[in-house]
Protein backbone atom coordinates (compact mmCIF):
# COMPACT_ATOMS: atom_id res chain seq x y z
CA MET A 1 -64.90 39.75 -70.31
CA GLY A 2 -64.13 38.82 -66.72
CA ILE A 3 -65.37 35.75 -64.90
CA GLU A 4 -69.12 35.90 -64.23
CA ILE A 5 -71.37 34.02 -61.83
CA LYS A 6 -73.44 31.38 -63.67
CA ALA A 7 -76.84 32.24 -65.01
CA ALA A 8 -79.92 30.20 -64.19
CA SER A 9 -80.14 26.70 -65.58
CA ALA A 10 -82.42 26.19 -68.55
CA ALA A 11 -83.72 23.08 -66.78
CA PHE A 12 -85.49 25.28 -64.24
CA PRO A 13 -86.59 28.43 -66.07
CA GLN A 14 -88.82 29.52 -63.22
CA PHE A 15 -85.70 30.48 -61.25
CA ARG A 16 -83.86 33.62 -62.13
CA TYR A 17 -80.52 34.76 -60.86
CA ARG A 18 -80.97 37.77 -58.60
CA ARG A 19 -78.60 40.55 -59.59
CA MET A 20 -76.65 41.69 -56.59
CA THR A 21 -76.96 45.37 -55.73
CA THR A 22 -74.65 47.48 -53.64
CA PRO A 23 -76.78 48.82 -50.80
CA GLU A 24 -75.48 50.90 -47.93
CA PHE A 25 -74.70 48.80 -44.88
CA ALA A 26 -74.53 49.91 -41.28
CA TYR A 27 -73.74 47.46 -38.50
CA LEU A 28 -74.09 48.14 -34.80
CA GLU A 29 -71.22 46.85 -32.73
CA LEU A 30 -73.11 45.32 -29.82
CA PRO A 31 -72.06 42.53 -27.43
CA LEU A 32 -73.85 39.21 -27.77
CA ASN A 33 -75.23 38.63 -24.29
CA ALA A 34 -76.01 34.95 -23.90
CA LEU A 35 -77.78 35.49 -20.58
CA SER A 36 -80.34 37.79 -22.21
CA MET A 37 -81.29 34.87 -24.46
CA GLY A 38 -82.03 32.60 -21.52
CA LEU A 39 -78.73 30.72 -21.64
CA ASN A 40 -77.03 29.75 -18.41
CA ARG A 41 -73.78 28.37 -19.82
CA ARG A 42 -70.46 30.09 -20.33
CA VAL A 43 -70.09 31.36 -23.89
CA PRO A 44 -66.50 30.58 -24.91
CA HIS A 45 -64.16 33.20 -26.33
CA HIS A 46 -64.13 33.12 -30.12
CA PRO A 47 -60.91 34.28 -31.82
CA SER A 48 -61.40 37.10 -34.30
CA ILE A 49 -59.25 38.32 -37.17
CA HIS A 50 -57.64 40.61 -34.59
CA ASP A 51 -56.77 37.54 -32.49
CA LEU A 52 -55.27 35.83 -35.52
CA HIS A 53 -53.21 38.95 -36.19
CA GLN A 54 -52.03 39.10 -32.59
CA SER A 55 -51.09 35.40 -32.62
CA HIS A 56 -48.65 36.09 -35.45
CA PHE A 57 -46.89 38.61 -33.21
CA ASP A 58 -47.07 36.48 -30.06
CA HIS A 59 -45.51 33.44 -31.72
CA GLY A 60 -42.86 35.40 -33.57
CA LEU A 61 -43.47 33.79 -36.94
CA PRO A 62 -40.86 34.65 -39.57
CA GLY A 63 -41.96 37.49 -41.81
CA HIS A 64 -44.72 38.60 -39.46
CA ASN A 65 -43.26 41.68 -37.81
CA PRO A 66 -45.25 44.50 -36.24
CA PRO A 67 -46.69 47.03 -38.70
CA VAL A 68 -44.29 49.44 -40.36
CA GLY A 69 -45.15 53.01 -41.33
CA VAL A 70 -48.49 54.74 -41.19
CA THR A 71 -51.32 52.64 -39.83
CA LEU A 72 -54.32 51.82 -41.96
CA ASP A 73 -56.91 53.21 -39.57
CA LYS A 74 -55.32 56.69 -39.69
CA MET A 75 -55.04 56.91 -43.46
CA VAL A 76 -58.12 55.20 -44.87
CA ASP A 77 -61.43 57.04 -44.91
CA PHE A 78 -63.63 54.38 -43.30
CA GLN A 79 -66.75 56.51 -43.61
CA ASN A 80 -66.30 56.55 -47.38
CA LEU A 81 -65.07 52.95 -47.76
CA ARG A 82 -67.59 50.78 -49.61
CA GLY A 83 -65.56 48.02 -51.30
CA ILE A 84 -62.18 46.25 -51.28
CA ILE A 85 -60.20 45.23 -54.37
CA PHE A 86 -57.42 42.66 -54.00
CA ASP A 87 -54.43 42.04 -56.16
CA LEU A 88 -53.63 38.32 -56.29
CA ASP A 89 -49.91 37.53 -56.48
CA GLY A 90 -48.06 38.64 -53.37
CA VAL A 91 -51.30 39.51 -51.56
CA LEU A 92 -53.61 36.48 -51.50
CA VAL A 93 -50.95 34.01 -52.66
CA ASP A 94 -47.21 33.89 -52.02
CA SER A 95 -46.51 33.04 -55.62
CA THR A 96 -43.23 34.87 -56.18
CA SER A 97 -41.22 31.66 -56.52
CA CYS A 98 -43.76 30.16 -58.94
CA HIS A 99 -43.56 33.17 -61.25
CA ARG A 100 -39.81 33.65 -60.95
CA GLU A 101 -39.07 30.01 -61.75
CA THR A 102 -41.44 29.82 -64.70
CA PHE A 103 -40.20 33.11 -66.15
CA ASP A 104 -36.67 31.72 -65.84
CA GLN A 105 -37.73 28.58 -67.73
CA ILE A 106 -39.20 30.61 -70.58
CA PHE A 107 -36.30 33.03 -70.88
CA CYS A 108 -33.79 30.18 -70.77
CA ARG A 109 -35.27 28.96 -74.06
CA PHE A 110 -34.15 32.23 -75.63
CA GLY A 111 -30.69 32.32 -74.04
CA ILE A 112 -31.60 34.83 -71.34
CA SER A 113 -30.16 33.93 -67.96
CA GLN A 114 -30.39 37.25 -66.10
CA PHE A 115 -33.93 38.14 -64.99
CA HIS A 116 -34.78 40.19 -61.89
CA TYR A 117 -38.41 39.28 -61.14
CA PRO A 118 -39.11 41.97 -58.46
CA SER A 119 -38.53 44.66 -61.08
CA TYR A 120 -41.44 43.30 -63.11
CA ALA A 121 -43.78 42.08 -60.35
CA GLY A 122 -47.40 43.09 -60.85
CA ARG A 123 -46.99 43.51 -64.60
CA ARG A 124 -48.83 41.59 -67.32
CA THR A 125 -46.92 38.51 -68.52
CA THR A 126 -46.96 39.53 -72.19
CA ASP A 127 -45.63 42.99 -71.35
CA VAL A 128 -42.84 41.54 -69.21
CA ILE A 129 -41.72 39.13 -71.91
CA GLN A 130 -41.81 41.79 -74.58
CA GLU A 131 -39.77 44.23 -72.45
CA VAL A 132 -37.17 41.64 -71.42
CA PHE A 133 -36.74 40.49 -75.01
CA ALA A 134 -36.20 44.10 -76.12
CA SER A 135 -33.66 44.73 -73.36
CA HIS A 136 -31.66 41.74 -74.63
CA GLY A 137 -31.86 42.78 -78.26
CA LEU A 138 -34.39 40.13 -79.28
CA ASN A 139 -36.93 41.18 -81.88
CA GLU A 140 -39.37 38.27 -81.75
CA PRO A 141 -42.68 38.40 -83.68
CA PRO A 142 -45.94 38.88 -81.73
CA GLU A 143 -46.96 35.24 -82.14
CA VAL A 144 -43.73 34.06 -80.48
CA ILE A 145 -44.24 36.46 -77.58
CA ALA A 146 -47.88 35.36 -77.21
CA GLN A 147 -46.91 31.67 -77.18
CA ALA A 148 -44.16 32.31 -74.62
CA ALA A 149 -46.70 34.09 -72.42
CA ARG A 150 -49.16 31.19 -72.72
CA ASP A 151 -46.45 28.69 -71.84
CA LYS A 152 -45.37 30.74 -68.85
CA SER A 153 -48.96 31.01 -67.58
CA ARG A 154 -49.55 27.29 -68.00
CA LEU A 155 -46.35 26.37 -66.15
CA ALA A 156 -47.07 28.84 -63.35
CA SER A 157 -50.62 27.50 -62.97
CA GLN A 158 -49.33 23.92 -62.73
CA LEU A 159 -46.71 24.90 -60.16
CA PHE A 160 -49.30 26.83 -58.15
CA GLU A 161 -51.66 23.85 -57.96
CA GLN A 162 -48.79 21.63 -56.85
CA ARG A 163 -47.50 23.98 -54.14
CA ARG A 164 -50.70 25.85 -53.20
CA PRO A 165 -48.85 28.83 -51.71
CA ILE A 166 -51.94 30.48 -50.20
CA THR A 167 -51.09 33.45 -47.99
CA PRO A 168 -51.61 32.58 -44.28
CA GLY A 169 -55.10 33.59 -43.18
CA CYS A 170 -56.23 34.38 -46.73
CA GLU A 171 -59.40 32.28 -46.79
CA ARG A 172 -60.69 33.49 -43.42
CA VAL A 173 -59.84 37.10 -44.26
CA LEU A 174 -61.85 36.91 -47.49
CA ALA A 175 -64.83 35.31 -45.72
CA GLU A 176 -64.81 37.88 -42.91
CA LEU A 177 -64.48 40.90 -45.18
CA ALA A 178 -67.07 39.58 -47.67
CA SER A 179 -69.58 39.65 -44.80
CA ARG A 180 -69.23 43.46 -44.78
CA PHE A 181 -67.98 44.72 -48.14
CA PRO A 182 -68.25 43.90 -51.83
CA LEU A 183 -64.93 42.32 -52.86
CA ALA A 184 -63.16 42.30 -56.22
CA LEU A 185 -60.09 40.53 -57.58
CA ALA A 186 -57.91 42.46 -60.03
CA SER A 187 -54.82 40.56 -61.13
CA SER A 188 -52.12 41.16 -63.70
CA GLY A 189 -51.78 37.39 -63.89
CA SER A 190 -53.28 35.19 -66.57
CA ARG A 191 -56.80 33.84 -66.39
CA ALA A 192 -55.32 30.35 -65.89
CA SER A 193 -53.40 31.50 -62.80
CA VAL A 194 -56.42 33.27 -61.34
CA GLU A 195 -58.67 30.26 -61.98
CA ALA A 196 -56.13 27.98 -60.28
CA PHE A 197 -56.38 30.16 -57.15
CA LEU A 198 -60.19 30.17 -57.30
CA ARG A 199 -60.33 26.37 -57.62
CA VAL A 200 -57.88 25.74 -54.78
CA THR A 201 -59.60 28.16 -52.38
CA GLY A 202 -63.22 27.76 -53.53
CA SER A 203 -63.49 31.55 -53.32
CA ALA A 204 -64.85 32.50 -56.77
CA SER A 205 -68.31 33.36 -55.47
CA LEU A 206 -66.97 35.72 -52.79
CA PHE A 207 -65.97 38.27 -55.42
CA ARG A 208 -68.39 40.64 -57.15
CA SER A 209 -65.83 41.15 -59.93
CA ILE A 210 -62.87 39.12 -61.17
CA LEU A 211 -60.58 40.64 -63.78
CA THR A 212 -57.30 39.32 -65.15
CA ALA A 213 -54.62 40.68 -67.47
CA GLU A 214 -56.53 39.19 -70.38
CA ASP A 215 -59.57 41.32 -69.61
CA VAL A 216 -57.97 44.75 -69.99
CA VAL A 217 -56.31 46.67 -72.81
CA ASP A 218 -53.90 48.65 -70.64
CA ALA A 219 -52.39 46.63 -67.80
CA LYS A 220 -50.94 47.94 -64.54
CA PRO A 221 -49.51 50.53 -63.91
CA ALA A 222 -52.38 51.92 -66.03
CA PRO A 223 -55.52 52.34 -63.88
CA GLU A 224 -57.92 50.48 -66.22
CA ILE A 225 -58.25 47.27 -64.19
CA TYR A 226 -59.11 49.17 -61.00
CA LEU A 227 -61.47 51.58 -62.71
CA ARG A 228 -63.35 48.67 -64.26
CA SER A 229 -63.38 46.70 -60.99
CA ALA A 230 -64.96 49.62 -59.15
CA LYS A 231 -67.52 50.08 -61.92
CA ARG A 232 -68.48 46.39 -61.84
CA MET A 233 -69.10 46.69 -58.09
CA GLY A 234 -71.26 49.77 -58.69
CA LEU A 235 -68.84 51.99 -56.79
CA ASN A 236 -66.78 55.11 -57.33
CA PRO A 237 -63.03 54.26 -57.22
CA ALA A 238 -62.65 56.72 -54.33
CA GLU A 239 -64.95 54.43 -52.29
CA CYS A 240 -62.63 51.44 -52.80
CA LEU A 241 -59.58 50.22 -50.90
CA VAL A 242 -56.99 48.45 -53.06
CA VAL A 243 -54.62 45.94 -51.44
CA GLU A 244 -51.37 45.67 -53.40
CA ASP A 245 -47.82 44.36 -53.06
CA ALA A 246 -46.19 45.75 -56.22
CA ILE A 247 -45.11 49.22 -57.27
CA SER A 248 -46.97 49.00 -60.58
CA GLY A 249 -50.15 47.96 -58.80
CA VAL A 250 -49.97 50.78 -56.27
CA LYS A 251 -49.44 53.30 -59.09
CA ALA A 252 -52.44 51.86 -60.95
CA ALA A 253 -54.66 52.07 -57.86
CA ARG A 254 -53.66 55.63 -57.06
CA ALA A 255 -54.13 56.69 -60.70
CA ALA A 256 -57.65 55.25 -60.50
CA GLY A 257 -58.34 57.40 -57.44
CA ALA A 258 -58.65 54.50 -54.98
CA MET A 259 -57.39 54.29 -51.42
CA THR A 260 -54.36 52.00 -51.28
CA VAL A 261 -52.64 49.82 -48.71
CA GLY A 262 -49.34 48.14 -49.54
CA ILE A 263 -48.10 44.79 -48.23
CA PRO A 264 -44.30 44.56 -48.40
CA GLY A 265 -42.65 41.47 -49.81
CA THR A 266 -42.30 41.80 -53.53
CA SER A 267 -41.43 45.46 -52.92
CA SER A 268 -40.25 47.14 -49.72
CA ALA A 269 -42.46 49.32 -47.54
CA ALA A 270 -40.47 52.38 -48.58
CA GLU A 271 -40.88 51.56 -52.27
CA LEU A 272 -44.63 51.04 -51.89
CA GLN A 273 -45.02 54.33 -50.03
CA ALA A 274 -42.94 56.12 -52.64
CA ALA A 275 -45.26 54.69 -55.33
CA GLY A 276 -48.24 56.22 -53.53
CA ALA A 277 -49.45 53.68 -50.96
CA GLN A 278 -51.28 55.62 -48.25
CA SER A 279 -50.68 52.90 -45.72
CA ILE A 280 -48.51 49.84 -45.09
CA ALA A 281 -49.65 46.59 -43.47
CA SER A 282 -47.05 43.95 -42.70
CA THR A 283 -49.37 41.05 -43.61
CA LEU A 284 -52.81 40.35 -45.04
CA VAL A 285 -54.07 39.36 -41.60
CA GLU A 286 -52.72 42.60 -40.11
CA MET A 287 -54.53 44.57 -42.79
CA ALA A 288 -57.81 42.80 -42.10
CA ALA A 289 -57.42 43.22 -38.33
CA ARG A 290 -57.87 46.95 -38.81
CA PHE A 291 -61.50 46.26 -39.71
CA SER A 292 -62.25 44.12 -36.64
CA SER A 293 -64.06 46.93 -34.80
CA GLY A 294 -66.86 46.85 -37.37
CA THR A 295 -67.46 43.08 -37.43
CA PRO A 296 -71.19 42.58 -38.06
CA VAL A 297 -73.31 41.17 -35.26
CA ILE A 298 -75.16 37.93 -35.97
CA ASP A 299 -78.88 38.70 -35.89
CA ILE A 300 -79.91 35.80 -33.66
CA GLU A 301 -83.65 36.44 -34.13
CA ARG A 302 -83.29 35.75 -37.88
CA TRP A 303 -81.72 32.30 -37.48
CA THR A 304 -83.19 28.83 -36.93
CA ALA A 305 -80.99 25.76 -36.55
CA VAL A 306 -82.26 22.51 -38.08
CA ILE A 307 -80.54 19.41 -36.70
CA PRO A 308 -81.29 16.03 -38.31
CA ALA A 309 -80.57 13.62 -35.44
CA ALA A 310 -82.65 10.51 -36.05
CA GLY A 311 -79.64 8.19 -35.83
CA ASN A 312 -79.25 5.71 -33.01
CA GLY A 313 -76.06 4.85 -31.17
CA SER A 314 -75.85 1.17 -32.10
CA ARG A 315 -72.56 1.48 -34.02
CA LEU A 316 -71.11 3.16 -30.95
CA GLY A 317 -72.39 0.42 -28.61
CA PHE A 318 -74.73 3.03 -27.12
CA HIS A 319 -78.34 2.33 -26.15
CA ARG A 320 -79.60 5.92 -26.44
CA PRO A 321 -79.91 8.23 -29.50
CA LYS A 322 -76.52 9.05 -30.99
CA ILE A 323 -76.87 12.79 -30.31
CA LEU A 324 -76.67 11.94 -26.57
CA TYR A 325 -73.44 9.93 -26.91
CA PRO A 326 -70.77 11.34 -24.54
CA VAL A 327 -67.65 12.94 -26.05
CA CYS A 328 -65.14 14.31 -23.53
CA GLY A 329 -67.72 13.57 -20.85
CA ARG A 330 -70.46 15.65 -22.47
CA PRO A 331 -73.29 14.59 -24.81
CA ILE A 332 -72.83 15.51 -28.46
CA LEU A 333 -75.96 17.64 -27.99
CA ASP A 334 -74.13 19.96 -25.60
CA TRP A 335 -71.29 20.54 -28.06
CA LEU A 336 -73.84 21.44 -30.74
CA LEU A 337 -75.63 23.86 -28.44
CA ASP A 338 -72.32 25.47 -27.45
CA TYR A 339 -71.73 26.77 -30.96
CA LEU A 340 -75.35 27.20 -32.09
CA SER A 341 -77.17 28.67 -29.07
CA PRO A 342 -75.43 32.07 -29.18
CA CYS A 343 -76.31 32.40 -32.89
CA CYS A 344 -79.73 30.76 -33.42
CA HIS A 345 -82.88 31.71 -31.56
CA ARG A 346 -84.93 28.65 -32.56
CA PHE A 347 -84.12 24.97 -33.08
CA VAL A 348 -85.87 22.22 -34.98
CA PHE A 349 -84.67 18.68 -34.20
CA VAL A 350 -85.55 15.87 -36.57
CA LEU A 351 -85.71 12.70 -34.44
CA SER A 352 -86.69 9.06 -34.76
CA PRO A 353 -89.91 7.82 -33.11
CA HIS A 354 -88.04 5.78 -30.49
CA GLY A 355 -85.55 8.54 -29.62
CA SER A 356 -87.78 11.60 -29.50
CA ALA A 357 -88.87 11.37 -25.86
CA ASP A 358 -85.32 10.89 -24.58
CA VAL A 359 -83.85 13.77 -26.60
CA SER A 360 -86.83 16.05 -25.93
CA ALA A 361 -86.36 15.66 -22.18
CA GLU A 362 -82.70 16.67 -22.51
CA LEU A 363 -83.62 19.66 -24.67
CA GLU A 364 -86.26 20.84 -22.21
CA SER A 365 -83.63 21.03 -19.48
CA ARG A 366 -81.23 23.01 -21.71
CA ILE A 367 -83.17 25.29 -24.08
CA PRO A 368 -86.77 25.34 -22.84
CA GLY A 369 -89.17 27.13 -25.14
CA ARG A 370 -86.65 27.41 -27.97
CA PHE A 371 -87.06 24.09 -29.77
CA GLU A 372 -89.50 21.95 -31.74
CA VAL A 373 -89.28 18.27 -32.61
CA VAL A 374 -90.23 16.70 -35.92
CA ILE A 375 -90.45 12.93 -36.29
CA GLN A 376 -88.84 11.13 -39.23
CA GLN A 377 -90.64 7.80 -39.24
CA GLU A 378 -88.08 6.00 -41.42
CA PRO A 379 -84.41 6.78 -42.33
CA THR A 380 -85.25 8.10 -45.80
CA GLY A 381 -82.33 10.52 -46.18
CA MET A 382 -81.12 13.93 -45.08
CA GLY A 383 -83.02 15.70 -47.84
CA ASP A 384 -86.20 14.21 -46.48
CA ALA A 385 -85.25 15.12 -42.89
CA VAL A 386 -84.58 18.75 -43.75
CA GLY A 387 -87.76 18.88 -45.85
CA LEU A 388 -89.77 17.74 -42.82
CA ALA A 389 -88.29 20.53 -40.73
CA LEU A 390 -88.74 23.35 -43.25
CA PRO A 391 -92.42 24.14 -42.48
CA ARG A 392 -91.34 24.91 -38.89
CA VAL A 393 -88.72 27.45 -39.98
CA GLN A 394 -90.13 30.97 -39.83
CA THR A 395 -86.88 32.94 -39.89
CA ALA A 396 -85.03 34.53 -42.83
CA HIS A 397 -82.02 32.21 -42.44
CA MET A 398 -81.51 28.62 -41.37
CA ALA A 399 -78.45 26.62 -40.36
CA VAL A 400 -78.49 22.88 -41.00
CA VAL A 401 -76.07 20.82 -38.91
CA TRP A 402 -75.79 17.04 -38.90
CA GLY A 403 -76.51 15.75 -35.40
CA ASP A 404 -73.05 14.21 -34.96
CA GLN A 405 -70.85 17.23 -35.85
CA VAL A 406 -69.31 17.56 -32.44
CA ALA A 407 -66.07 19.38 -33.27
CA LEU A 408 -67.10 22.53 -35.14
CA ARG A 409 -65.54 25.57 -33.52
CA PRO A 410 -67.74 28.55 -32.64
CA GLU A 411 -65.62 31.02 -34.61
CA SER A 412 -65.97 28.92 -37.77
CA VAL A 413 -69.75 28.76 -37.40
CA GLU A 414 -70.03 32.48 -36.68
CA THR A 415 -67.89 33.41 -39.69
CA CYS A 416 -70.22 31.44 -41.96
CA LEU A 417 -73.38 32.91 -40.43
CA ARG A 418 -72.07 36.46 -40.77
CA LEU A 419 -71.13 35.79 -44.38
CA HIS A 420 -74.54 34.30 -45.18
CA GLN A 421 -76.52 37.21 -43.68
CA GLY A 422 -74.20 39.76 -45.30
CA PRO A 423 -74.33 41.87 -48.47
CA LEU A 424 -73.87 39.01 -50.95
CA HIS A 425 -77.32 37.58 -50.08
CA PRO A 426 -76.46 33.99 -51.11
CA GLY A 427 -78.89 31.14 -51.41
CA VAL A 428 -76.44 28.76 -49.72
CA THR A 429 -73.27 29.16 -47.65
CA PHE A 430 -71.35 26.11 -46.54
CA PRO A 431 -67.70 25.63 -45.55
CA THR A 432 -65.65 23.00 -47.35
CA VAL A 433 -62.36 21.21 -46.71
CA LEU A 434 -59.89 19.48 -48.99
CA ARG A 435 -59.19 15.90 -47.95
CA ARG A 436 -57.59 12.72 -49.14
CA GLU A 437 -59.84 9.75 -49.97
CA PRO A 438 -63.02 11.80 -49.63
CA TYR A 439 -66.45 10.40 -48.82
CA ILE A 440 -68.03 13.43 -50.57
CA HIS A 441 -66.56 15.45 -53.43
CA PHE A 442 -67.95 18.64 -54.96
CA GLU A 443 -66.93 19.11 -58.58
CA ARG A 444 -66.03 22.51 -60.03
CA ASP A 445 -65.57 23.79 -63.55
CA VAL A 446 -62.35 25.44 -64.74
CA SER A 447 -63.39 28.83 -63.32
CA GLY A 448 -64.08 27.39 -59.87
CA GLN A 449 -67.89 27.29 -60.04
CA LEU A 450 -69.69 24.31 -58.44
CA MET A 451 -71.19 21.94 -60.98
CA GLY A 452 -71.76 18.53 -59.34
CA VAL A 453 -71.39 16.29 -56.30
CA ARG A 454 -70.08 12.74 -55.94
CA GLN A 455 -71.02 10.50 -53.02
CA LYS A 456 -69.09 7.37 -52.18
CA ARG A 457 -72.09 5.82 -50.44
CA GLU A 458 -74.03 6.05 -53.70
CA GLY A 459 -71.32 4.22 -55.65
CA ASP A 460 -69.81 7.25 -57.38
CA ALA A 461 -66.17 7.09 -58.50
CA MET A 462 -64.14 9.26 -56.11
CA PRO A 463 -60.93 11.22 -56.71
CA THR A 464 -57.79 10.71 -54.63
CA GLU A 465 -58.27 14.18 -53.20
CA GLY A 466 -61.57 15.97 -53.07
CA GLU A 467 -63.53 18.90 -51.68
CA SER A 468 -65.99 17.87 -48.96
CA ASP A 469 -68.61 19.54 -46.83
CA VAL A 470 -68.33 19.51 -43.03
CA GLY A 471 -71.95 18.71 -42.18
CA PHE A 472 -72.86 22.38 -41.71
CA PHE A 473 -74.90 24.49 -44.16
CA CYS A 474 -76.63 27.88 -44.21
CA PHE A 475 -79.69 28.28 -46.42
CA ASN A 476 -82.33 30.74 -47.46
CA PRO A 477 -85.29 28.55 -46.36
CA THR A 478 -87.71 29.81 -49.02
CA ARG A 479 -85.33 29.02 -51.86
CA LEU A 480 -84.33 25.70 -50.30
CA SER A 481 -87.95 24.63 -50.19
CA GLU A 482 -88.32 25.39 -53.91
CA TRP A 483 -85.12 23.54 -54.79
CA LEU A 484 -86.09 20.44 -52.80
CA GLU A 485 -89.48 20.35 -54.51
CA ASN A 486 -87.82 20.50 -57.93
CA MET A 487 -85.42 17.74 -56.88
CA ARG A 488 -88.31 15.53 -55.86
CA LEU A 489 -90.09 16.10 -59.14
CA SER A 490 -86.96 15.46 -61.23
CA LYS A 491 -85.68 12.56 -59.04
CA VAL A 492 -82.32 14.35 -58.82
CA GLY A 493 -81.94 13.76 -55.08
CA SER A 494 -82.66 10.03 -55.02
CA GLY A 495 -79.52 7.99 -54.34
CA VAL A 496 -78.65 5.31 -56.89
CA ALA A 497 -77.49 2.86 -54.22
CA THR A 498 -79.39 3.89 -51.08
CA ARG A 499 -82.58 5.18 -52.73
CA GLU A 500 -82.60 7.84 -50.03
CA PHE A 501 -83.55 11.46 -50.74
CA ASN A 502 -80.20 13.19 -50.26
CA LEU A 503 -79.66 16.85 -49.43
CA LEU A 504 -76.26 17.34 -51.06
CA PRO A 505 -77.48 17.34 -54.71
CA VAL A 506 -79.28 20.60 -53.87
CA ILE A 507 -75.87 22.33 -53.79
CA PRO A 508 -74.95 22.11 -57.50
CA LEU A 509 -78.60 22.82 -58.38
CA ALA A 510 -78.47 25.95 -56.23
CA ALA A 511 -75.16 26.96 -57.82
CA SER A 512 -76.80 26.92 -61.26
CA LEU A 513 -79.64 29.14 -60.07
CA ASP A 514 -78.29 31.34 -57.32
CA LEU A 515 -75.17 32.35 -55.42
CA VAL A 516 -73.46 29.62 -53.38
CA LEU A 517 -70.59 30.54 -51.05
CA THR A 518 -67.99 27.98 -49.94
CA PRO A 519 -65.72 29.67 -47.39
CA ARG A 520 -62.62 27.63 -46.54
CA VAL A 521 -62.63 28.49 -42.82
CA VAL A 522 -62.94 25.04 -41.19
CA SER A 523 -60.08 22.66 -40.43
CA GLN A 524 -60.25 18.96 -41.28
CA GLU A 525 -60.36 18.13 -37.58
CA GLU A 526 -63.50 20.21 -37.13
CA ALA A 527 -65.21 18.22 -39.87
CA ILE A 528 -65.23 14.99 -37.83
CA GLY A 529 -68.65 13.35 -37.61
CA VAL A 530 -69.10 10.75 -34.87
CA ASN A 531 -70.20 7.55 -36.63
CA CYS A 532 -68.09 4.99 -34.76
CA VAL A 533 -65.90 4.66 -31.68
CA GLN A 534 -62.78 5.64 -33.62
CA ASP A 535 -64.47 8.85 -34.79
CA ALA A 536 -65.39 9.66 -31.19
CA SER A 537 -61.80 9.07 -30.06
CA THR A 538 -60.43 11.31 -32.83
CA ALA A 539 -62.93 14.05 -31.96
CA GLU A 540 -62.03 13.83 -28.27
CA GLY A 541 -58.35 14.25 -29.11
CA PHE A 542 -59.08 17.40 -31.10
CA LEU A 543 -61.39 18.86 -28.46
CA ARG A 544 -58.87 18.24 -25.70
CA ARG A 545 -56.14 19.93 -27.71
CA ALA A 546 -58.47 22.92 -27.99
CA SER A 547 -59.33 22.78 -24.29
CA GLY A 548 -58.14 26.32 -23.70
CA VAL A 549 -61.20 27.48 -25.60
CA ARG A 550 -63.75 24.69 -25.50
CA ILE A 551 -63.46 22.60 -22.33
């Protein structure tokens, strides 16, 4: 079996995991006109995947040359394209050195010093070892070959987690494409190697199907893994685009009847075309840029932004509510509206009794008729604040943003909103970052699925490096309301140290009951929350460095 999304928790039998279907999707490519929504501010330019692709060319990065060969848009039948299947090694990760070195270690044990990895790239580890042994006259029993394969996979997984050789742009590409198409992962690597990638990137839930070498009888170049991937997505192979870097993988995809694009590296462009690749893209980002013309429009009428902002500015030496504290000469409120106003039609602000009049006056001058205010009488936690706002949310989707998240970039927010409203229909979408000495850490199981959250403020033991949120979440409001009610009844959300009703414990609960997406599309600098003067200074530095877009 491949890796499956978790089923509903027995602790809450009234929830059932909704099986994801594969409906037909049609998106209109329309401009987002801020003026038609009553906005009178400049809407900044938001870089797209195409912009990321162009930046590789403009800056002349090594290995990022203009496309070679036939272009993707001329060879792929976009009208028939319904899903995308990715190989892993050489496509989503630059793992050639990890595999070459660990194969060398294994073969050295058996006196083999000559091994040409590119000749075997894309093949199942067991098959490679067996073939190399035979070519050197070694007749080892099956158990020895199996153990050698396990050792190689373990060593490669360890090396991968140390080096983290993620292909440039990989995480944003996956998030953008998952907002339009069902995605699958079909790797000739071991389950351990695939799970290492899923843990490092937090991308397990973006894929409708995940298959490894251990899940198929006949590995690449046989078509089995691609035939099964298409079937698990509910698609005909001819409706799928396969992204490959190896000759064996291209042959497997073409034998399955799928459209195929090759990314040179492990094999040359000429070799990939000779194997049957219908198109060549120089990089993963270049491949994804070919889809930029169909980027889905954010349906602004279906989004409400909830902003808990009851905090005061005392720690900043500020006499007004913290959301009005100036950063780069502008109130935090204006930075929030910059990235939320083009995407969310309605706003609900959760304010303190003493700050509501001040903030309401500022809101009336900026977004008249588009906001409501809810009063949180006491600072009883973010879960409580969001719960107070929920009855005012009448839209299909809601974005929750802490009232001090000044540095989020519009393109990061828009990527997450598009993903959340897309074909995966998740219960929660929230970007995460990896950071040293984290204040928050989300725990995952070996397959990369969320299973818990640790909070430093509640006295939890924290790892040296952890996965944190960035103070920005997308929810299905109906399901969130149900989850919060269950948390209240079970006391799950009550902090051990603060006794506050926290929002973050809803995430692992949601992951046990529904689909939770954690796109890795936000930088650490964007995750800055303004809690003290030093935070404000750090945020200002980042915003000024990004002044070409933001200021």
